[in-house]
Amino acid sequence: PCWRALIQFIKEGLLFGYGFGEVFWYKSYLEEFWKVAPWKAGLAHSGYVEAILNTGIVGFLFLILFLAEVCFLSLRYFNSQRNLYSLIFIVWFVYVVLVNL
């Protein structure tokens, strides 16, 4: 898959990545990636791999902390309200986590 071909590039920009805003996909890195990957992909096909590629481990940790806080707050809100409307935050959280796999 695309992710395996990106491992080499993730290792090179491990700490801070290549820059927010998909800089990787518009620079010379892309031509190097196309040499490794047998197809001309324009994105990582995973939000998490894309986050590591763009922002490195530092940015990825901030993303994980944000998602953990959203999960905690959503569950706390649901426990305090116990109604159908409070479920929307949990549904949104599960959706975001699954779509980015």
Protein backbone atom coordinates (compact mmCIF):
# COMPACT_ATOMS: atom_id res chain seq x y z
CA PRO A 1 0.00 0.00 0.00
CA CYS A 2 0.80 3.66 -0.17
CA TRP A 3 1.70 3.74 3.54
CA ARG A 4 4.67 1.39 3.12
CA ALA A 5 6.14 3.58 0.41
CA LEU A 6 5.79 6.62 2.69
CA ILE A 7 7.66 5.09 5.65
CA GLN A 8 11.04 6.15 4.27
CA PHE A 9 9.86 9.76 3.90
CA ILE A 10 8.26 9.78 7.35
CA LYS A 11 11.57 8.67 8.85
CA GLU A 12 13.40 11.52 7.11
CA GLY A 13 11.03 14.16 8.51
CA LEU A 14 10.18 12.31 11.70
CA LEU A 15 10.24 15.09 14.29
CA PHE A 16 8.47 17.99 12.52
CA GLY A 17 7.40 16.53 9.16
CA TYR A 18 7.49 18.31 5.83
CA GLY A 19 5.18 21.18 6.67
CA PHE A 20 1.52 21.73 7.27
CA GLY A 21 -0.69 22.15 4.23
CA GLU A 22 0.47 19.16 2.21
CA VAL A 23 3.86 20.62 1.32
CA PHE A 24 5.12 17.07 0.72
CA TRP A 25 2.75 16.55 -2.20
CA TYR A 26 3.85 19.72 -4.05
CA LYS A 27 7.63 19.58 -3.74
CA SER A 28 10.43 17.46 -5.13
CA TYR A 29 9.66 14.83 -2.46
CA LEU A 30 6.72 13.78 -4.56
CA GLU A 31 8.91 12.77 -7.50
CA GLU A 32 11.09 10.72 -5.16
CA PHE A 33 7.97 9.08 -3.75
CA TRP A 34 6.73 8.19 -7.22
CA LYS A 35 10.04 6.38 -7.83
CA VAL A 36 9.31 4.16 -4.82
CA ALA A 37 5.56 3.75 -5.29
CA PRO A 38 4.32 2.06 -8.47
CA TRP A 39 1.44 4.55 -8.84
CA LYS A 40 1.12 8.32 -8.74
CA ALA A 41 -0.71 8.85 -5.46
CA GLY A 42 -1.43 12.41 -4.42
CA LEU A 43 -2.20 11.71 -0.78
CA ALA A 44 -1.48 9.12 1.89
CA HIS A 45 -5.02 7.66 1.96
CA SER A 46 -4.92 7.81 5.77
CA GLY A 47 -5.47 10.90 7.85
CA TYR A 48 -3.07 9.66 10.51
CA VAL A 49 -0.24 8.88 8.07
CA GLU A 50 -0.89 12.24 6.41
CA ALA A 51 -0.69 13.99 9.80
CA ILE A 52 2.67 12.35 10.59
CA LEU A 53 3.96 13.19 7.11
CA ASN A 54 2.90 16.85 7.36
CA THR A 55 3.57 17.64 11.02
CA GLY A 56 5.87 14.86 12.22
CA ILE A 57 5.64 13.14 15.56
CA VAL A 58 5.21 16.47 17.37
CA GLY A 59 2.10 17.42 15.40
CA PHE A 60 0.76 13.87 15.53
CA LEU A 61 1.00 13.86 19.33
CA PHE A 62 -1.00 17.10 19.42
CA LEU A 63 -3.62 15.45 17.19
CA ILE A 64 -3.82 12.42 19.49
CA LEU A 65 -4.11 14.68 22.55
CA PHE A 66 -6.89 16.64 20.84
CA LEU A 67 -8.79 13.47 19.94
CA ALA A 68 -8.36 12.10 23.47
CA GLU A 69 -9.74 15.34 24.93
CA VAL A 70 -12.70 15.30 22.54
CA CYS A 71 -13.41 11.70 23.51
CA PHE A 72 -13.21 12.49 27.23
CA LEU A 73 -15.41 15.59 26.96
CA SER A 74 -17.95 13.79 24.76
CA LEU A 75 -18.27 10.92 27.21
CA ARG A 76 -18.51 13.31 30.16
CA TYR A 77 -21.21 15.34 28.41
CA PHE A 78 -23.16 12.20 27.53
CA ASN A 79 -22.96 10.93 31.12
CA SER A 80 -24.25 14.25 32.46
CA GLN A 81 -27.12 14.67 29.97
CA ARG A 82 -28.15 11.12 29.04
CA ASN A 83 -30.22 12.11 26.03
CA LEU A 84 -30.17 11.50 22.32
CA TYR A 85 -28.74 14.94 21.52
CA SER A 86 -25.68 14.37 23.67
CA LEU A 87 -24.86 11.28 21.59
CA ILE A 88 -24.01 13.45 18.58
CA PHE A 89 -20.56 14.22 19.96
CA ILE A 90 -19.72 10.55 20.46
CA VAL A 91 -21.00 9.69 16.98
CA TRP A 92 -18.89 12.53 15.51
CA PHE A 93 -15.81 11.32 17.38
CA VAL A 94 -16.21 7.72 16.18
CA TYR A 95 -16.79 8.97 12.63
CA VAL A 96 -13.62 11.12 12.64
CA VAL A 97 -11.50 8.31 14.06
CA LEU A 98 -12.76 5.73 11.55
CA VAL A 99 -12.69 7.94 8.45
CA ASN A 100 -9.03 8.74 8.99
CA LEU A 101 -7.84 5.12 9.26
